[in-house]
Amino acid sequence: MDWISTYWNRDNAVLILSLVWSVYVVVVGTWILMQRRAPVATLSWLLSMAAIPVGGLAIYYFLGPQRLKRQRIKRLRSRKTSRVRTSAARLRDRIPAAPDRLHQVARLVSRTADFPVSSAERMDLLVGGASTYDSILEAVRQARHHVHLEYYIFEPDQTGSALMQALVERAQAGVKVRMLVDSLGSKKLTRKFYGPLVDAGGEFAFFHPTKIGRRLRPVINFRTHRKILVCDGRVAFTGGVNITDEEDKRVMASAYHDVHLRLEGPVVNWLQTVFLEDWAYALERQHQAEPPGLDELLPDMAEGAYAVQVMSSGPDNRLAAIHRTYVAAINAASDRVWLTTPYFVPTEAAMAALTNAALRGVDVQLLVPEKSDSFIVTAAARSYFDELIACGARVHEYHARMLHSKTLVVDDNIAIIGTANFDNRSFFLNYEVCAIAYGPKLNGDLVQQFKQDLHNARQVPYGRKQRFFPRLVDSVARLCSPLL
């Protein structure tokens, strides 16, 4: 009887656990399905939740997709948008023979990111951290009204300290300094480091603090990956360079290889708008009709010779402006698609666009680091190379240092530079910002830089020999692509 009782109890325990697991799968599965994300990503999460019930639920709670809602400062946008409704005419004035596909890409950006075609009086490509930091410090020291900066990584090292000192000096001189950094990417910043800026009258804020308790559900997985610096509303910077010694070759011989962009002219208004909305969101001041002193923050400027458009994206915008623009620009190519990215984990749509372009006879070239700072991303990227090469694309691995540039060159009249990597995280999870320039100026600069970078790269042969285990690792990493 004892044996029967034990067996019956064990059998009941298994039955109860099975019922609990089944209810768990149904409830959590419904929760995930109602998010209406990409099918592959949804299936990945469903399988993870079913395989590791308790741990999987914790991972999904902290890192899984969420619906984030942010209010845009409508008057902030409408104030400038009302003056630039002739985006098509502005583009046509600067590129009289612009093909229809160019106008279609510009229209796509306008409708997904809600930024019109603007212009730049000056547009400088900055190569390497040294030239970028020199230019940034010069702009900060010349600021007379305000300095706004937003960064994913701002380290309290030699590079960060030099910039912080310049910011403190400006704040002491009466210049309004507002500094916004990502709480995860800049987790090393302490009150001791940024305190002098606040004491001098500057303002400082963390984007999406990671401390549990501030929100019903933490937003650990949604970071501001943006790099924006605006001085007096007239000079702005964006691109891939963070504030860290790791990107300054003068400090570290192994510093990342990266590029950045310095802009002057009306387009600065739109990078300013991105910052102001992020600042209001971080400080929970979105209820404001508009920030004070708007005339100084968004000054009127003479039209520039270069057509430039800002595009931003993030988990609060379901239209995924940057992802759509990359895919549309590649699909519009007739001669050339040269892509540089440190993290290559393409979506199905992006991969199809690249392979279709190569099959059409377009010169498709991809430049990635031989080894990035993420093992799993490097492995996942390698799994796509054979498919690209088989379709006629050329893949190059940069071996000199860690390649951190994020650029796209299409034909002779489209050039994109910004903070977004060519992966799911940048396309759908991070807050990113890019500048898309129409015409030969930036396009030509990036073409020359791409050619120069190839001197430190090796072309990947089709079907290169790999031992079984590394090939298996690449294949397993590719399964994680929707979650990277």
Protein backbone atom coordinates (compact mmCIF):
# COMPACT_ATOMS: atom_id res chain seq x y z
CA MET A 1 0.00 0.00 0.00
CA ASP A 2 2.86 2.37 0.76
CA TRP A 3 4.29 1.72 -2.75
CA ILE A 4 0.90 2.44 -4.33
CA SER A 5 0.43 5.61 -2.27
CA THR A 6 3.91 6.85 -3.21
CA TYR A 7 3.31 6.11 -6.89
CA TRP A 8 -0.12 7.82 -6.81
CA ASN A 9 1.34 10.92 -5.18
CA ARG A 10 4.21 11.08 -7.64
CA ASP A 11 1.79 10.61 -10.53
CA ASN A 12 -0.41 13.40 -9.21
CA ALA A 13 2.60 15.66 -8.80
CA VAL A 14 3.57 15.10 -12.43
CA LEU A 15 -0.01 15.77 -13.51
CA ILE A 16 -0.22 18.98 -11.49
CA LEU A 17 3.13 20.20 -12.80
CA SER A 18 2.04 19.42 -16.36
CA LEU A 19 -1.18 21.38 -15.88
CA VAL A 20 0.69 24.32 -14.35
CA TRP A 21 3.22 24.27 -17.22
CA SER A 22 0.41 24.13 -19.79
CA VAL A 23 -1.40 27.09 -18.22
CA TYR A 24 1.92 28.97 -18.05
CA VAL A 25 2.62 28.33 -21.75
CA VAL A 26 -0.89 29.47 -22.76
CA VAL A 27 -0.80 32.66 -20.65
CA VAL A 28 2.77 33.67 -21.52
CA GLY A 29 2.30 32.59 -25.13
CA THR A 30 -0.79 34.80 -25.44
CA TRP A 31 1.13 37.71 -23.90
CA ILE A 32 3.94 37.28 -26.43
CA LEU A 33 1.62 36.76 -29.40
CA MET A 34 -0.32 39.94 -28.61
CA GLN A 35 2.89 41.93 -29.09
CA ARG A 36 2.56 41.17 -32.83
CA ARG A 37 6.29 41.13 -33.45
CA ALA A 38 8.14 39.44 -36.32
CA PRO A 39 7.15 35.74 -36.53
CA VAL A 40 10.73 34.46 -36.19
CA ALA A 41 11.37 36.56 -33.09
CA THR A 42 7.99 35.56 -31.64
CA LEU A 43 8.71 31.85 -32.16
CA SER A 44 12.16 32.26 -30.58
CA TRP A 45 10.64 33.79 -27.47
CA LEU A 46 7.86 31.16 -27.31
CA LEU A 47 10.36 28.30 -27.47
CA SER A 48 12.57 29.97 -24.85
CA MET A 49 9.64 30.47 -22.49
CA ALA A 50 8.49 26.87 -22.90
CA ALA A 51 11.99 25.41 -22.43
CA ILE A 52 12.94 27.39 -19.31
CA PRO A 53 9.70 28.43 -17.58
CA VAL A 54 10.97 30.39 -14.58
CA GLY A 55 14.25 31.65 -15.98
CA GLY A 56 12.69 32.33 -19.39
CA LEU A 57 9.92 34.40 -17.85
CA ALA A 58 12.47 36.49 -15.93
CA ILE A 59 14.51 37.05 -19.10
CA TYR A 60 11.41 38.08 -21.03
CA TYR A 61 10.27 40.38 -18.24
CA PHE A 62 13.54 42.29 -18.24
CA LEU A 63 14.70 41.96 -21.86
CA GLY A 64 11.65 41.04 -23.91
CA PRO A 65 9.89 43.39 -26.35
CA GLN A 66 7.63 46.09 -24.95
CA ARG A 67 5.36 48.76 -26.28
CA LEU A 68 6.81 52.13 -25.32
CA LYS A 69 4.82 55.29 -25.81
CA ARG A 70 6.36 58.73 -25.97
CA GLN A 71 4.70 62.01 -26.67
CA ARG A 72 6.32 64.14 -29.30
CA ILE A 73 6.51 67.84 -28.63
CA LYS A 74 4.15 68.69 -31.47
CA ARG A 75 4.69 72.44 -31.45
CA LEU A 76 8.43 71.82 -31.50
CA ARG A 77 8.09 69.95 -34.78
CA SER A 78 5.28 71.95 -36.36
CA ARG A 79 7.10 75.24 -35.72
CA LYS A 80 9.83 74.24 -38.18
CA THR A 81 7.92 71.83 -40.39
CA SER A 82 5.51 74.58 -41.43
CA ARG A 83 8.43 76.41 -43.01
CA VAL A 84 9.82 73.48 -44.99
CA ARG A 85 6.79 71.89 -46.61
CA THR A 86 8.43 72.00 -50.02
CA SER A 87 10.82 69.11 -49.33
CA ALA A 88 10.58 67.87 -52.91
CA ALA A 89 11.39 71.32 -54.28
CA ARG A 90 14.32 71.66 -51.87
CA LEU A 91 15.75 68.36 -53.06
CA ARG A 92 15.14 69.24 -56.70
CA ASP A 93 16.88 72.62 -56.30
CA ARG A 94 20.07 70.96 -55.08
CA ILE A 95 19.96 67.92 -57.37
CA PRO A 96 18.10 69.05 -60.51
CA ALA A 97 18.43 65.64 -62.18
CA ALA A 98 17.49 63.67 -59.07
CA PRO A 99 15.81 60.39 -60.11
CA ASP A 100 12.35 59.53 -58.83
CA ARG A 101 13.78 56.88 -56.51
CA LEU A 102 15.68 59.59 -54.66
CA HIS A 103 12.48 61.50 -54.00
CA GLN A 104 10.80 58.26 -52.91
CA VAL A 105 13.50 57.57 -50.32
CA ALA A 106 13.21 61.14 -49.01
CA ARG A 107 9.43 60.81 -48.82
CA LEU A 108 9.77 57.53 -46.93
CA VAL A 109 12.00 59.18 -44.32
CA SER A 110 9.56 62.09 -44.00
CA ARG A 111 6.62 59.77 -43.37
CA THR A 112 8.32 57.31 -41.03
CA ALA A 113 10.64 59.59 -39.03
CA ASP A 114 8.55 62.75 -39.46
CA PHE A 115 11.52 64.88 -40.51
CA PRO A 116 11.50 66.76 -43.83
CA VAL A 117 14.41 67.21 -46.20
CA SER A 118 16.58 70.00 -44.83
CA SER A 119 19.92 71.47 -45.84
CA ALA A 120 23.45 71.95 -44.58
CA GLU A 121 25.74 74.86 -45.23
CA ARG A 122 28.74 72.76 -44.22
CA MET A 123 29.20 69.00 -43.92
CA ASP A 124 32.52 67.53 -42.73
CA LEU A 125 33.37 63.84 -42.49
CA LEU A 126 35.56 63.25 -39.42
CA VAL A 127 37.69 60.11 -39.52
CA GLY A 128 38.92 58.63 -36.26
CA GLY A 129 38.37 59.62 -32.67
CA ALA A 130 41.25 62.09 -32.57
CA SER A 131 39.89 64.40 -35.27
CA THR A 132 36.35 63.99 -33.92
CA TYR A 133 37.30 64.93 -30.35
CA ASP A 134 39.37 67.88 -31.53
CA SER A 135 36.42 69.21 -33.52
CA ILE A 136 33.98 68.60 -30.68
CA LEU A 137 36.16 70.37 -28.13
CA GLU A 138 36.58 73.33 -30.44
CA ALA A 139 32.81 73.64 -30.94
CA VAL A 140 32.11 73.35 -27.21
CA ARG A 141 34.70 75.99 -26.31
CA GLN A 142 33.17 78.40 -28.85
CA ALA A 143 29.60 77.92 -27.59
CA ARG A 144 27.96 81.05 -26.24
CA HIS A 145 24.34 80.09 -25.55
CA HIS A 146 23.99 76.35 -25.01
CA VAL A 147 25.63 72.94 -25.40
CA HIS A 148 23.42 69.84 -25.64
CA LEU A 149 24.89 66.37 -25.74
CA GLU A 150 23.46 62.86 -25.73
CA TYR A 151 25.67 59.76 -25.72
CA TYR A 152 25.39 56.04 -25.26
CA ILE A 153 28.91 55.74 -23.81
CA PHE A 154 30.58 58.56 -21.91
CA GLU A 155 33.53 57.27 -19.91
CA PRO A 156 35.19 59.05 -16.96
CA ASP A 157 38.59 58.47 -18.54
CA GLN A 158 41.12 60.83 -20.14
CA THR A 159 38.90 61.60 -23.15
CA GLY A 160 35.74 61.99 -21.09
CA SER A 161 37.49 64.12 -18.49
CA ALA A 162 38.79 66.53 -21.14
CA LEU A 163 35.30 67.05 -22.54
CA MET A 164 33.75 67.31 -19.08
CA GLN A 165 36.27 70.02 -18.14
CA ALA A 166 35.31 71.98 -21.26
CA LEU A 167 31.62 71.61 -20.38
CA VAL A 168 32.19 72.80 -16.82
CA GLU A 169 34.08 75.83 -18.10
CA ARG A 170 31.21 76.71 -20.43
CA ALA A 171 28.66 76.27 -17.65
CA GLN A 172 30.70 78.54 -15.38
CA ALA A 173 30.69 81.14 -18.19
CA GLY A 174 26.88 81.14 -18.23
CA VAL A 175 26.37 78.75 -21.16
CA LYS A 176 23.44 76.37 -20.63
CA VAL A 177 24.80 72.81 -20.68
CA ARG A 178 22.43 69.84 -20.81
CA MET A 179 23.99 66.38 -20.73
CA LEU A 180 22.03 63.16 -21.32
CA VAL A 181 23.73 59.76 -21.20
CA ASP A 182 22.47 56.21 -21.31
CA SER A 183 22.41 54.71 -17.83
CA LEU A 184 23.69 51.33 -19.02
CA GLY A 185 26.26 52.43 -21.59
CA SER A 186 27.58 55.12 -19.23
CA LYS A 187 27.20 53.15 -16.01
CA LYS A 188 30.67 54.17 -14.82
CA LEU A 189 29.64 57.81 -14.43
CA THR A 190 29.23 58.80 -10.80
CA ARG A 191 28.08 61.94 -9.03
CA LYS A 192 31.72 62.65 -8.25
CA PHE A 193 32.48 62.89 -11.97
CA TYR A 194 29.51 64.92 -13.25
CA GLY A 195 28.92 66.81 -9.99
CA PRO A 196 31.14 69.78 -10.96
CA LEU A 197 28.98 70.32 -14.05
CA VAL A 198 25.80 70.43 -11.98
CA ASP A 199 27.47 72.68 -9.39
CA ALA A 200 28.43 75.06 -12.21
CA GLY A 201 24.79 75.34 -13.31
CA GLY A 202 24.67 72.58 -15.90
CA GLU A 203 22.02 69.87 -16.05
CA PHE A 204 22.61 66.12 -16.14
CA ALA A 205 20.28 63.15 -16.66
CA PHE A 206 20.40 59.40 -17.21
CA PHE A 207 18.29 57.85 -19.95
CA HIS A 208 16.22 54.83 -18.82
CA PRO A 209 17.74 54.20 -15.39
CA THR A 210 18.18 50.47 -14.84
CA LYS A 211 17.10 50.47 -11.21
CA ILE A 212 14.12 48.25 -10.54
CA GLY A 213 11.14 50.06 -9.08
CA ARG A 214 11.05 53.16 -11.27
CA ARG A 215 8.68 51.43 -13.69
CA LEU A 216 6.19 48.58 -13.48
CA ARG A 217 8.37 46.79 -16.01
CA PRO A 218 12.03 47.84 -16.38
CA VAL A 219 13.29 49.05 -19.76
CA ILE A 220 16.78 47.57 -19.52
CA ASN A 221 16.73 46.46 -23.15
CA PHE A 222 15.86 49.85 -24.67
CA ARG A 223 18.85 52.14 -24.72
CA THR A 224 19.62 55.45 -26.32
CA HIS A 225 22.41 54.52 -28.71
CA ARG A 226 22.41 58.07 -30.10
CA LYS A 227 25.47 60.29 -30.28
CA ILE A 228 24.36 63.92 -30.60
CA LEU A 229 26.15 67.15 -29.79
CA VAL A 230 24.57 70.53 -30.57
CA CYS A 231 26.25 73.88 -29.89
CA ASP A 232 24.19 77.09 -30.03
CA GLY A 233 21.70 75.38 -32.34
CA ARG A 234 24.05 76.01 -35.28
CA VAL A 235 26.70 73.28 -35.14
CA ALA A 236 25.93 69.60 -34.61
CA PHE A 237 27.69 66.26 -34.57
CA THR A 238 26.46 62.69 -34.99
CA GLY A 239 27.91 59.36 -36.02
CA GLY A 240 29.49 56.35 -34.39
CA VAL A 241 32.05 57.88 -32.03
CA ASN A 242 31.37 57.64 -28.29
CA ILE A 243 33.26 59.59 -25.63
CA THR A 244 35.89 57.08 -24.54
CA ASP A 245 39.62 56.40 -24.72
CA GLU A 246 38.76 53.25 -26.66
CA GLU A 247 38.13 55.45 -29.71
CA ASP A 248 41.15 57.75 -29.40
CA LYS A 249 44.29 56.36 -31.02
CA ARG A 250 46.36 59.01 -29.25
CA VAL A 251 45.49 57.31 -25.99
CA MET A 252 45.14 53.66 -27.06
CA ALA A 253 47.00 52.11 -29.99
CA SER A 254 44.14 49.62 -30.44
CA ALA A 255 41.43 52.31 -30.50
CA TYR A 256 38.33 51.65 -32.59
CA HIS A 257 38.30 52.85 -36.18
CA ASP A 258 35.23 55.06 -36.63
CA VAL A 259 33.76 58.02 -38.50
CA HIS A 260 31.64 60.98 -37.42
CA LEU A 261 29.85 63.90 -39.08
CA ARG A 262 29.97 67.62 -38.33
CA LEU A 263 27.07 69.71 -39.66
CA GLU A 264 26.21 73.38 -39.91
CA GLY A 265 22.99 74.88 -41.23
CA PRO A 266 19.23 74.32 -40.93
CA VAL A 267 19.56 70.52 -40.57
CA VAL A 268 20.97 71.16 -37.09
CA ASN A 269 17.41 72.11 -36.04
CA TRP A 270 16.32 68.51 -36.52
CA LEU A 271 19.15 66.95 -34.53
CA GLN A 272 18.29 69.50 -31.87
CA THR A 273 14.67 68.36 -32.00
CA VAL A 274 15.72 64.75 -31.41
CA PHE A 275 17.75 65.80 -28.39
CA LEU A 276 15.04 68.06 -26.92
CA GLU A 277 12.43 65.32 -27.14
CA ASP A 278 14.80 62.79 -25.54
CA TRP A 279 15.63 65.30 -22.82
CA ALA A 280 11.96 65.98 -22.08
CA TYR A 281 11.26 62.24 -22.03
CA ALA A 282 14.17 61.47 -19.68
CA LEU A 283 13.10 64.23 -17.28
CA GLU A 284 9.42 63.31 -17.64
CA ARG A 285 8.57 66.78 -18.91
CA GLN A 286 6.76 65.78 -22.08
CA HIS A 287 3.71 67.70 -20.94
CA GLN A 288 5.48 70.94 -21.82
CA ALA A 289 4.03 72.64 -24.88
CA GLU A 290 7.54 73.60 -25.91
CA PRO A 291 10.89 74.22 -24.22
CA PRO A 292 11.70 77.78 -23.14
CA GLY A 293 13.96 79.89 -25.34
CA LEU A 294 12.99 78.11 -28.54
CA ASP A 295 14.25 80.88 -30.82
CA GLU A 296 17.80 80.35 -29.54
CA LEU A 297 17.46 76.57 -29.55
CA LEU A 298 16.09 76.42 -33.11
CA PRO A 299 17.48 79.53 -34.82
CA ASP A 300 16.61 80.46 -38.39
CA MET A 301 19.55 79.94 -40.72
CA ALA A 302 20.26 80.54 -44.37
CA GLU A 303 19.71 77.58 -46.66
CA GLY A 304 22.78 75.45 -47.36
CA ALA A 305 23.99 73.86 -50.58
CA TYR A 306 23.66 70.26 -49.39
CA ALA A 307 20.37 68.34 -49.06
CA VAL A 308 20.38 66.44 -45.77
CA GLN A 309 17.65 64.68 -43.83
CA VAL A 310 17.65 63.44 -40.24
CA MET A 311 16.02 60.12 -39.43
CA SER A 312 15.48 58.71 -35.98
CA SER A 313 13.95 55.48 -34.78
CA GLY A 314 13.25 53.63 -31.57
CA PRO A 315 10.91 51.15 -29.87
CA ASP A 316 8.30 53.90 -29.54
CA ASN A 317 7.93 54.11 -33.35
CA ARG A 318 6.46 50.99 -34.94
CA LEU A 319 7.39 52.21 -38.45
CA ALA A 320 11.12 51.49 -37.87
CA ALA A 321 12.27 54.41 -40.01
CA ILE A 322 15.96 53.52 -40.20
CA HIS A 323 15.33 49.87 -41.10
CA ARG A 324 12.84 50.82 -43.81
CA THR A 325 15.17 53.47 -45.20
CA TYR A 326 18.15 51.12 -45.42
CA VAL A 327 16.05 48.52 -47.23
CA ALA A 328 14.47 51.10 -49.56
CA ALA A 329 17.82 52.72 -50.39
CA ILE A 330 19.37 49.34 -51.21
CA ASN A 331 16.38 48.38 -53.33
CA ALA A 332 16.71 51.69 -55.20
CA ALA A 333 20.37 51.10 -56.09
CA SER A 334 21.38 50.71 -59.71
CA ASP A 335 25.19 50.88 -59.53
CA ARG A 336 26.62 50.56 -56.03
CA VAL A 337 25.81 49.52 -52.46
CA TRP A 338 28.78 49.79 -50.08
CA LEU A 339 27.90 49.01 -46.47
CA THR A 340 30.20 49.39 -43.46
CA THR A 341 28.98 48.12 -40.11
CA PRO A 342 30.55 46.66 -36.94
CA TYR A 343 27.55 44.38 -36.32
CA PHE A 344 26.01 42.61 -39.30
CA VAL A 345 22.94 40.64 -38.26
CA PRO A 346 20.44 41.48 -41.03
CA THR A 347 16.70 41.04 -40.97
CA GLU A 348 15.15 38.88 -43.69
CA ALA A 349 14.08 42.03 -45.56
CA ALA A 350 17.56 43.59 -45.34
CA MET A 351 19.26 40.38 -46.43
CA ALA A 352 16.86 40.01 -49.35
CA ALA A 353 17.53 43.62 -50.40
CA LEU A 354 21.31 43.03 -50.42
CA THR A 355 21.17 39.71 -52.29
CA ASN A 356 18.60 41.03 -54.78
CA ALA A 357 20.82 44.02 -55.51
CA ALA A 358 23.83 41.75 -56.07
CA LEU A 359 21.81 39.47 -58.34
CA ARG A 360 20.70 42.52 -60.36
CA GLY A 361 24.35 43.30 -61.04
CA VAL A 362 24.75 46.09 -58.49
CA ASP A 363 28.21 46.33 -56.95
CA VAL A 364 27.39 45.16 -53.41
CA GLN A 365 30.26 45.26 -50.92
CA LEU A 366 30.17 44.68 -47.18
CA LEU A 367 32.92 45.76 -44.78
CA VAL A 368 32.84 44.31 -41.26
CA PRO A 369 35.42 43.80 -38.51
CA GLU A 370 37.33 40.53 -38.52
CA LYS A 371 36.61 40.36 -34.81
CA SER A 372 34.08 42.66 -33.17
CA ASP A 373 33.74 43.27 -29.44
CA SER A 374 30.87 40.77 -29.36
CA PHE A 375 31.74 37.11 -29.98
CA ILE A 376 28.17 36.01 -30.68
CA VAL A 377 27.53 38.86 -33.13
CA THR A 378 30.77 38.11 -34.99
CA ALA A 379 29.78 34.46 -35.22
CA ALA A 380 26.25 35.27 -36.40
CA ALA A 381 27.60 37.65 -39.06
CA ARG A 382 29.90 34.97 -40.52
CA SER A 383 26.92 32.70 -41.12
CA TYR A 384 25.56 35.12 -43.75
CA PHE A 385 28.75 35.54 -45.79
CA ASP A 386 28.42 32.53 -48.11
CA GLU A 387 24.88 33.48 -49.10
CA LEU A 388 25.95 37.02 -49.94
CA ILE A 389 29.02 35.95 -51.88
CA ALA A 390 27.08 33.30 -53.81
CA CYS A 391 24.76 36.05 -55.06
CA GLY A 392 27.67 38.14 -56.30
CA ALA A 393 28.40 40.41 -53.32
CA ARG A 394 31.90 40.95 -51.95
CA VAL A 395 32.57 40.70 -48.22
CA HIS A 396 35.65 42.20 -46.56
CA GLU A 397 36.91 41.75 -43.00
CA TYR A 398 38.76 44.73 -41.50
CA HIS A 399 41.72 43.42 -39.51
CA ALA A 400 43.75 46.47 -38.41
CA ARG A 401 41.59 47.35 -35.39
CA MET A 402 38.00 47.08 -34.25
CA LEU A 403 35.89 48.63 -37.02
CA HIS A 404 33.07 50.73 -35.55
CA SER A 405 31.93 52.83 -38.56
CA LYS A 406 28.27 52.73 -39.58
CA THR A 407 27.81 54.00 -43.14
CA LEU A 408 25.98 53.18 -46.36
CA VAL A 409 26.80 54.45 -49.84
CA VAL A 410 24.22 53.97 -52.60
CA ASP A 411 25.09 54.91 -56.19
CA ASP A 412 26.45 58.47 -56.42
CA ASN A 413 23.70 60.35 -54.61
CA ILE A 414 22.76 58.66 -51.30
CA ALA A 415 24.98 58.48 -48.23
CA ILE A 416 23.94 57.47 -44.71
CA ILE A 417 26.01 57.92 -41.57
CA GLY A 418 24.87 57.63 -38.00
CA THR A 419 24.59 55.51 -34.90
CA ALA A 420 22.66 52.51 -36.23
CA ASN A 421 24.27 49.14 -36.76
CA PHE A 422 22.93 46.74 -39.39
CA ASP A 423 21.15 44.51 -36.88
CA ASN A 424 17.85 43.92 -35.13
CA ARG A 425 18.87 45.79 -31.99
CA SER A 426 19.55 49.03 -33.84
CA PHE A 427 16.59 48.62 -36.17
CA PHE A 428 13.97 47.85 -33.52
CA LEU A 429 15.20 48.12 -29.91
CA ASN A 430 17.61 51.04 -29.55
CA TYR A 431 16.94 54.74 -29.96
CA GLU A 432 19.08 55.63 -32.98
CA VAL A 433 19.67 58.62 -35.23
CA CYS A 434 21.23 58.92 -38.70
CA ALA A 435 21.81 61.61 -41.30
CA ILE A 436 21.04 60.82 -44.93
CA ALA A 437 22.68 63.13 -47.45
CA TYR A 438 21.56 63.39 -51.06
CA GLY A 439 24.08 64.28 -53.75
CA PRO A 440 27.79 63.68 -54.38
CA LYS A 441 29.43 65.48 -51.42
CA LEU A 442 29.17 63.04 -48.50
CA ASN A 443 28.73 60.15 -50.93
CA GLY A 444 32.15 60.88 -52.45
CA ASP A 445 33.79 61.30 -49.05
CA LEU A 446 32.48 57.92 -47.87
CA VAL A 447 33.48 56.25 -51.14
CA GLN A 448 37.07 57.40 -50.64
CA GLN A 449 37.02 56.29 -47.00
CA PHE A 450 35.65 52.87 -47.97
CA LYS A 451 38.43 52.40 -50.53
CA GLN A 452 41.02 53.44 -47.96
CA ASP A 453 39.63 51.03 -45.36
CA LEU A 454 39.90 48.15 -47.84
CA HIS A 455 43.70 48.48 -47.62
CA ASN A 456 43.37 47.08 -44.09
CA ALA A 457 40.87 44.37 -44.98
CA ARG A 458 40.85 40.90 -46.51
CA GLN A 459 38.21 39.71 -48.94
CA VAL A 460 36.30 36.67 -47.73
CA PRO A 461 36.41 33.78 -50.24
CA TYR A 462 33.30 31.79 -51.01
CA GLY A 463 33.03 28.58 -49.02
CA ARG A 464 36.13 29.27 -46.94
CA LYS A 465 37.21 26.26 -44.99
CA GLN A 466 35.98 26.09 -41.43
CA ARG A 467 36.37 23.34 -38.94
CA PHE A 468 33.19 21.67 -37.76
CA PHE A 469 32.98 23.28 -34.33
CA PRO A 470 33.46 26.95 -35.44
CA ARG A 471 30.91 26.39 -38.22
CA LEU A 472 28.48 24.94 -35.69
CA VAL A 473 29.00 27.93 -33.39
CA ASP A 474 28.25 30.32 -36.29
CA SER A 475 25.07 28.41 -37.10
CA VAL A 476 23.89 28.42 -33.47
CA ALA A 477 24.64 32.14 -33.19
CA ARG A 478 22.54 32.75 -36.29
CA LEU A 479 19.55 31.21 -34.50
CA CYS A 480 19.86 34.03 -31.97
CA SER A 481 19.79 36.70 -34.71
CA PRO A 482 16.22 37.87 -34.00
CA LEU A 483 17.19 38.49 -30.36
CA LEU A 484 20.57 40.19 -30.94
